[in-house]
Amino acid sequence: MALKVDLERIDTIINSLMSGDIVELHWCDASKNRRVKRIDNKVVACYKKLVARFVQMSYDTAYGVEHILLEDMAEGELDLPTIWSIPRPVVIYAQVVTNRPTKETSNIGTVYLGGRDYKVVTKEGGIGARK
């Protein structure tokens, strides 16, 4: 049974995301396989799934692609969070798990997420902006 990807639904969900929302994303990733005896879906497909807190959208000006930035914090982890950058075009499923708005952004641009303060720093014009 083939999975039908509803791009219109995915776009609606992604466009409605607010900083702090918990979102579940599925996406297709590149794959590498050694000693392949036959090419089938297990060789070609590399599906990923993540449930994490939405941070923001960021634009890669070098390639003209939007990226979804998510924060993933392992339970009990004392370090800074892991930030995932997922190119928007590879997303095949999106679902808001819960709307959990964060505290207001401070006047210096530090966002409060999961009990930690950090700044999202990008070059003017987005990731990969060139002068």
N, C-alpha and C. Protein backbone atom coordinates (compact mmCIF):
# COMPACT_ATOMS: atom_id res chain seq x y z
N MET A 1 0.84 -1.18 0.00
CA MET A 1 0.00 0.00 0.00
C MET A 1 0.89 1.24 0.00
N ALA A 2 0.70 2.09 -0.96
CA ALA A 2 1.51 3.30 -1.08
C ALA A 2 0.97 4.41 -0.19
N LEU A 3 1.87 5.14 0.43
CA LEU A 3 1.51 6.30 1.24
C LEU A 3 1.23 7.48 0.34
N LYS A 4 0.07 8.09 0.50
CA LYS A 4 -0.27 9.26 -0.30
C LYS A 4 0.17 10.50 0.47
N VAL A 5 1.03 11.29 -0.13
CA VAL A 5 1.54 12.51 0.49
C VAL A 5 0.61 13.66 0.12
N ASP A 6 0.04 14.31 1.12
CA ASP A 6 -0.87 15.44 0.92
C ASP A 6 -0.09 16.73 1.13
N LEU A 7 0.51 17.24 0.05
CA LEU A 7 1.37 18.43 0.14
C LEU A 7 0.60 19.66 0.60
N GLU A 8 -0.65 19.77 0.19
CA GLU A 8 -1.46 20.92 0.60
C GLU A 8 -1.68 20.92 2.11
N ARG A 9 -1.98 19.75 2.67
CA ARG A 9 -2.18 19.62 4.13
C ARG A 9 -0.87 19.91 4.86
N ILE A 10 0.23 19.39 4.36
CA ILE A 10 1.54 19.62 4.98
C ILE A 10 1.85 21.11 4.98
N ASP A 11 1.65 21.79 3.86
CA ASP A 11 1.90 23.24 3.79
C ASP A 11 1.04 24.01 4.77
N THR A 12 -0.24 23.65 4.89
CA THR A 12 -1.14 24.32 5.83
C THR A 12 -0.62 24.18 7.26
N ILE A 13 -0.20 22.99 7.64
CA ILE A 13 0.31 22.75 8.99
C ILE A 13 1.61 23.51 9.22
N ILE A 14 2.54 23.41 8.29
CA ILE A 14 3.83 24.09 8.46
C ILE A 14 3.65 25.60 8.54
N ASN A 15 2.77 26.14 7.70
CA ASN A 15 2.53 27.59 7.71
C ASN A 15 1.87 28.07 8.99
N SER A 16 1.19 27.17 9.72
CA SER A 16 0.50 27.56 10.95
C SER A 16 1.35 27.37 12.20
N LEU A 17 2.54 26.81 12.07
CA LEU A 17 3.36 26.53 13.24
C LEU A 17 3.78 27.81 13.95
N MET A 18 3.73 27.75 15.29
CA MET A 18 4.18 28.84 16.14
C MET A 18 5.34 28.33 16.98
N SER A 19 6.27 29.22 17.30
CA SER A 19 7.41 28.85 18.13
C SER A 19 6.91 28.19 19.41
N GLY A 20 7.43 27.01 19.70
CA GLY A 20 7.05 26.27 20.89
C GLY A 20 6.08 25.14 20.63
N ASP A 21 5.43 25.11 19.46
CA ASP A 21 4.53 23.99 19.14
C ASP A 21 5.33 22.69 19.10
N ILE A 22 4.71 21.63 19.60
CA ILE A 22 5.31 20.30 19.49
C ILE A 22 4.76 19.70 18.19
N VAL A 23 5.66 19.30 17.31
CA VAL A 23 5.26 18.83 15.99
C VAL A 23 5.90 17.48 15.70
N GLU A 24 5.17 16.65 14.96
CA GLU A 24 5.71 15.38 14.47
C GLU A 24 5.92 15.54 12.97
N LEU A 25 7.15 15.31 12.53
CA LEU A 25 7.48 15.38 11.11
C LEU A 25 8.03 14.05 10.64
N HIS A 26 7.65 13.67 9.43
CA HIS A 26 8.27 12.52 8.74
C HIS A 26 8.87 13.09 7.47
N TRP A 27 10.05 12.61 7.10
CA TRP A 27 10.67 13.08 5.86
C TRP A 27 11.51 11.98 5.24
N CYS A 28 11.78 12.16 3.96
CA CYS A 28 12.64 11.24 3.23
C CYS A 28 14.05 11.80 3.25
N ASP A 29 15.01 10.96 3.52
CA ASP A 29 16.40 11.38 3.59
C ASP A 29 17.21 10.59 2.57
N ALA A 30 18.41 11.04 2.35
CA ALA A 30 19.33 10.31 1.46
C ALA A 30 19.71 8.99 2.12
N SER A 31 20.03 8.01 1.32
CA SER A 31 20.45 6.73 1.89
C SER A 31 21.71 6.23 1.18
N LYS A 32 22.44 5.42 1.91
CA LYS A 32 23.64 4.80 1.36
C LYS A 32 23.62 3.34 1.79
N ASN A 33 23.78 2.45 0.84
CA ASN A 33 23.72 1.02 1.13
C ASN A 33 24.89 0.32 0.46
N ARG A 34 25.51 -0.57 1.19
CA ARG A 34 26.63 -1.34 0.65
C ARG A 34 26.19 -2.77 0.39
N ARG A 35 26.91 -3.44 -0.50
CA ARG A 35 26.67 -4.84 -0.82
C ARG A 35 25.23 -5.10 -1.23
N VAL A 36 24.74 -4.30 -2.12
CA VAL A 36 23.35 -4.41 -2.59
C VAL A 36 23.24 -5.52 -3.61
N LYS A 37 22.41 -6.50 -3.32
CA LYS A 37 22.18 -7.60 -4.25
C LYS A 37 21.03 -7.31 -5.19
N ARG A 38 20.06 -6.53 -4.71
CA ARG A 38 18.96 -6.12 -5.58
C ARG A 38 18.41 -4.79 -5.06
N ILE A 39 17.91 -4.00 -5.97
CA ILE A 39 17.38 -2.69 -5.61
C ILE A 39 15.89 -2.82 -5.34
N ASP A 40 15.52 -2.54 -4.09
CA ASP A 40 14.12 -2.54 -3.69
C ASP A 40 13.88 -1.32 -2.79
N ASN A 41 12.70 -1.22 -2.22
CA ASN A 41 12.36 -0.04 -1.42
C ASN A 41 13.24 0.12 -0.19
N LYS A 42 13.72 -0.98 0.38
CA LYS A 42 14.61 -0.90 1.55
C LYS A 42 15.94 -0.25 1.19
N VAL A 43 16.35 -0.36 -0.04
CA VAL A 43 17.59 0.26 -0.50
C VAL A 43 17.37 1.73 -0.82
N VAL A 44 16.26 2.02 -1.46
CA VAL A 44 15.99 3.37 -1.94
C VAL A 44 15.51 4.29 -0.83
N ALA A 45 14.56 3.83 -0.01
CA ALA A 45 13.89 4.69 0.95
C ALA A 45 14.64 4.80 2.27
N CYS A 46 14.70 6.00 2.78
CA CYS A 46 15.29 6.24 4.10
C CYS A 46 14.36 7.23 4.80
N TYR A 47 13.38 6.69 5.51
CA TYR A 47 12.37 7.52 6.15
C TYR A 47 12.82 7.90 7.56
N LYS A 48 12.60 9.15 7.92
CA LYS A 48 12.95 9.66 9.24
C LYS A 48 11.69 10.20 9.91
N LYS A 49 11.66 10.15 11.24
CA LYS A 49 10.53 10.66 12.01
C LYS A 49 11.09 11.37 13.24
N LEU A 50 10.48 12.51 13.59
CA LEU A 50 10.92 13.27 14.75
C LEU A 50 9.72 13.97 15.38
N VAL A 51 9.63 13.89 16.70
CA VAL A 51 8.68 14.69 17.46
C VAL A 51 9.52 15.66 18.28
N ALA A 52 9.33 16.96 18.04
CA ALA A 52 10.18 17.96 18.69
C ALA A 52 9.47 19.31 18.72
N ARG A 53 10.10 20.27 19.37
CA ARG A 53 9.55 21.62 19.51
C ARG A 53 9.97 22.48 18.33
N PHE A 54 8.99 23.12 17.68
CA PHE A 54 9.25 24.01 16.55
C PHE A 54 9.93 25.28 17.05
N VAL A 55 11.02 25.67 16.36
CA VAL A 55 11.74 26.90 16.70
C VAL A 55 11.37 28.00 15.72
N GLN A 56 11.66 27.77 14.43
CA GLN A 56 11.36 28.78 13.41
C GLN A 56 11.63 28.19 12.04
N MET A 57 11.20 28.93 11.02
CA MET A 57 11.55 28.62 9.64
C MET A 57 12.79 29.45 9.31
N SER A 58 13.67 28.90 8.51
CA SER A 58 14.86 29.63 8.08
C SER A 58 15.08 29.37 6.60
N TYR A 59 15.51 30.38 5.90
CA TYR A 59 15.65 30.30 4.44
C TYR A 59 17.11 30.14 4.06
N ASP A 60 17.41 29.12 3.27
CA ASP A 60 18.76 28.88 2.74
C ASP A 60 18.88 29.63 1.42
N THR A 61 19.54 30.76 1.43
CA THR A 61 19.63 31.58 0.22
C THR A 61 20.56 30.97 -0.82
N ALA A 62 21.48 30.12 -0.41
CA ALA A 62 22.40 29.51 -1.37
C ALA A 62 21.66 28.59 -2.34
N TYR A 63 20.65 27.86 -1.83
CA TYR A 63 19.91 26.92 -2.67
C TYR A 63 18.44 27.28 -2.82
N GLY A 64 17.99 28.32 -2.13
CA GLY A 64 16.60 28.76 -2.25
C GLY A 64 15.60 27.81 -1.64
N VAL A 65 15.94 27.24 -0.47
CA VAL A 65 15.07 26.26 0.17
C VAL A 65 14.81 26.68 1.62
N GLU A 66 13.54 26.58 2.05
CA GLU A 66 13.20 26.82 3.44
C GLU A 66 13.55 25.59 4.28
N HIS A 67 14.00 25.84 5.50
CA HIS A 67 14.30 24.78 6.45
C HIS A 67 13.45 24.95 7.68
N ILE A 68 12.96 23.84 8.21
CA ILE A 68 12.19 23.82 9.45
C ILE A 68 13.19 23.54 10.57
N LEU A 69 13.30 24.46 11.53
CA LEU A 69 14.22 24.27 12.64
C LEU A 69 13.44 23.78 13.86
N LEU A 70 13.89 22.65 14.41
CA LEU A 70 13.25 22.03 15.56
C LEU A 70 14.26 21.83 16.68
N GLU A 71 13.78 21.89 17.92
CA GLU A 71 14.60 21.67 19.10
C GLU A 71 14.25 20.32 19.69
N ASP A 72 15.27 19.52 19.96
CA ASP A 72 15.08 18.19 20.54
C ASP A 72 15.96 18.11 21.79
N MET A 73 15.35 17.91 22.94
CA MET A 73 16.12 17.82 24.18
C MET A 73 15.88 16.47 24.82
N ALA A 74 16.94 15.70 24.96
CA ALA A 74 16.82 14.40 25.61
C ALA A 74 16.48 14.61 27.08
N GLU A 75 15.64 13.75 27.63
CA GLU A 75 15.22 13.88 29.02
C GLU A 75 16.41 13.82 29.95
N GLY A 76 16.50 14.78 30.85
CA GLY A 76 17.58 14.82 31.82
C GLY A 76 18.88 15.38 31.26
N GLU A 77 18.88 15.79 30.01
CA GLU A 77 20.09 16.32 29.39
C GLU A 77 20.36 17.72 29.90
N LEU A 78 21.59 17.99 30.30
CA LEU A 78 21.94 19.30 30.87
C LEU A 78 22.60 20.22 29.86
N ASP A 79 22.98 19.70 28.73
CA ASP A 79 23.62 20.51 27.69
C ASP A 79 22.60 21.34 26.94
N LEU A 80 23.10 22.06 25.96
CA LEU A 80 22.23 22.80 25.06
C LEU A 80 21.44 21.82 24.20
N PRO A 81 20.29 22.25 23.68
CA PRO A 81 19.46 21.35 22.88
C PRO A 81 20.08 21.01 21.54
N THR A 82 19.60 19.94 20.95
CA THR A 82 19.96 19.58 19.59
C THR A 82 19.00 20.30 18.66
N ILE A 83 19.52 20.97 17.65
CA ILE A 83 18.68 21.67 16.68
C ILE A 83 18.70 20.87 15.38
N TRP A 84 17.53 20.51 14.92
CA TRP A 84 17.37 19.82 13.65
C TRP A 84 17.00 20.84 12.58
N SER A 85 17.59 20.72 11.42
CA SER A 85 17.27 21.56 10.27
C SER A 85 16.78 20.63 9.16
N ILE A 86 15.49 20.68 8.87
CA ILE A 86 14.90 19.77 7.90
C ILE A 86 14.42 20.58 6.69
N PRO A 87 14.97 20.31 5.51
CA PRO A 87 14.50 21.04 4.31
C PRO A 87 13.00 20.79 4.11
N ARG A 88 12.27 21.86 3.92
CA ARG A 88 10.82 21.76 3.78
C ARG A 88 10.38 20.84 2.64
N PRO A 89 11.03 20.85 1.49
CA PRO A 89 10.56 20.00 0.38
C PRO A 89 10.62 18.49 0.63
N VAL A 90 11.38 18.03 1.62
CA VAL A 90 11.49 16.58 1.85
C VAL A 90 10.46 16.06 2.84
N VAL A 91 9.67 16.95 3.45
CA VAL A 91 8.68 16.54 4.44
C VAL A 91 7.51 15.84 3.75
N ILE A 92 7.17 14.64 4.26
CA ILE A 92 6.07 13.86 3.68
C ILE A 92 4.88 13.73 4.63
N TYR A 93 5.05 14.18 5.89
CA TYR A 93 3.96 14.14 6.86
C TYR A 93 4.25 15.16 7.95
N ALA A 94 3.22 15.90 8.35
CA ALA A 94 3.36 16.87 9.44
C ALA A 94 2.10 16.85 10.27
N GLN A 95 2.27 16.91 11.59
CA GLN A 95 1.13 16.94 12.49
C GLN A 95 1.53 17.71 13.75
N VAL A 96 0.69 18.66 14.16
CA VAL A 96 0.93 19.35 15.43
C VAL A 96 0.45 18.42 16.53
N VAL A 97 1.35 18.09 17.45
CA VAL A 97 1.01 17.21 18.56
C VAL A 97 0.31 18.03 19.64
N THR A 98 0.87 19.18 19.97
CA THR A 98 0.26 20.08 20.94
C THR A 98 0.77 21.49 20.71
N ASN A 99 -0.13 22.45 20.87
CA ASN A 99 0.26 23.85 20.77
C ASN A 99 0.75 24.28 22.14
N ARG A 100 2.03 24.57 22.23
CA ARG A 100 2.60 24.98 23.51
C ARG A 100 3.43 26.22 23.30
N PRO A 101 2.78 27.39 23.28
CA PRO A 101 3.53 28.61 23.04
C PRO A 101 4.56 28.84 24.14
N THR A 102 5.70 29.36 23.74
CA THR A 102 6.77 29.67 24.68
C THR A 102 6.53 31.02 25.30
N LYS A 103 7.35 31.38 26.30
CA LYS A 103 7.28 32.73 26.86
C LYS A 103 7.64 33.72 25.77
N GLU A 104 7.26 34.95 25.95
CA GLU A 104 7.51 35.97 24.94
C GLU A 104 9.01 36.09 24.67
N THR A 105 9.32 36.44 23.45
CA THR A 105 10.70 36.68 23.08
C THR A 105 11.18 37.95 23.79
N SER A 106 12.36 37.90 24.37
CA SER A 106 12.87 39.07 25.07
C SER A 106 13.32 40.14 24.07
N ASN A 107 13.69 41.29 24.59
CA ASN A 107 14.06 42.39 23.70
C ASN A 107 15.40 42.19 23.01
N ILE A 108 16.16 41.15 23.39
CA ILE A 108 17.42 40.89 22.70
C ILE A 108 17.31 39.70 21.75
N GLY A 109 16.12 39.17 21.61
CA GLY A 109 15.91 38.09 20.64
C GLY A 109 16.16 36.70 21.19
N THR A 110 16.29 36.56 22.51
CA THR A 110 16.49 35.25 23.10
C THR A 110 15.13 34.61 23.34
N VAL A 111 14.94 33.41 22.83
CA VAL A 111 13.67 32.72 22.97
C VAL A 111 13.77 31.74 24.13
N TYR A 112 12.73 31.65 24.94
CA TYR A 112 12.69 30.71 26.05
C TYR A 112 12.10 29.40 25.56
N LEU A 113 12.90 28.34 25.59
CA LEU A 113 12.43 27.02 25.16
C LEU A 113 12.92 25.97 26.14
N GLY A 114 12.01 25.22 26.68
CA GLY A 114 12.38 24.08 27.52
C GLY A 114 13.26 24.45 28.69
N GLY A 115 13.09 25.64 29.26
CA GLY A 115 13.87 26.02 30.42
C GLY A 115 15.24 26.57 30.09
N ARG A 116 15.54 26.78 28.83
CA ARG A 116 16.85 27.28 28.44
C ARG A 116 16.68 28.51 27.56
N ASP A 117 17.64 29.42 27.67
CA ASP A 117 17.64 30.60 26.81
C ASP A 117 18.75 30.47 25.79
N TYR A 118 18.45 30.74 24.55
CA TYR A 118 19.48 30.78 23.52
C TYR A 118 18.97 31.62 22.38
N LYS A 119 19.91 32.10 21.59
CA LYS A 119 19.56 32.92 20.44
C LYS A 119 19.64 32.08 19.19
N VAL A 120 18.72 32.33 18.28
CA VAL A 120 18.80 31.73 16.95
C VAL A 120 19.52 32.77 16.10
N VAL A 121 20.72 32.43 15.66
CA VAL A 121 21.54 33.39 14.93
C VAL A 121 21.66 32.93 13.49
N THR A 122 21.22 33.76 12.56
CA THR A 122 21.38 33.48 11.15
C THR A 122 21.91 34.73 10.47
N LYS A 123 22.56 34.53 9.35
CA LYS A 123 23.04 35.68 8.59
C LYS A 123 21.85 36.44 8.04
N GLU A 124 22.03 37.72 7.82
CA GLU A 124 20.96 38.51 7.25
C GLU A 124 20.55 37.89 5.91
N GLY A 125 19.29 37.63 5.75
CA GLY A 125 18.80 37.03 4.51
C GLY A 125 18.67 35.52 4.61
N GLY A 126 19.07 34.92 5.73
CA GLY A 126 18.89 33.47 5.91
C GLY A 126 20.20 32.70 5.95
N ILE A 127 20.08 31.39 6.07
CA ILE A 127 21.25 30.51 6.12
C ILE A 127 21.97 30.59 4.78
N GLY A 128 23.25 30.59 4.80
CA GLY A 128 24.02 30.54 3.55
C GLY A 128 24.02 31.83 2.76
N ALA A 129 23.59 32.92 3.39
CA ALA A 129 23.56 34.20 2.68
C ALA A 129 24.99 34.59 2.31
N ARG A 130 25.14 35.08 1.10
CA ARG A 130 26.47 35.47 0.64
C ARG A 130 26.49 36.97 0.39
N LYS A 131 27.63 37.56 0.64
CA LYS A 131 27.77 39.01 0.44
C LYS A 131 28.07 39.33 -1.00
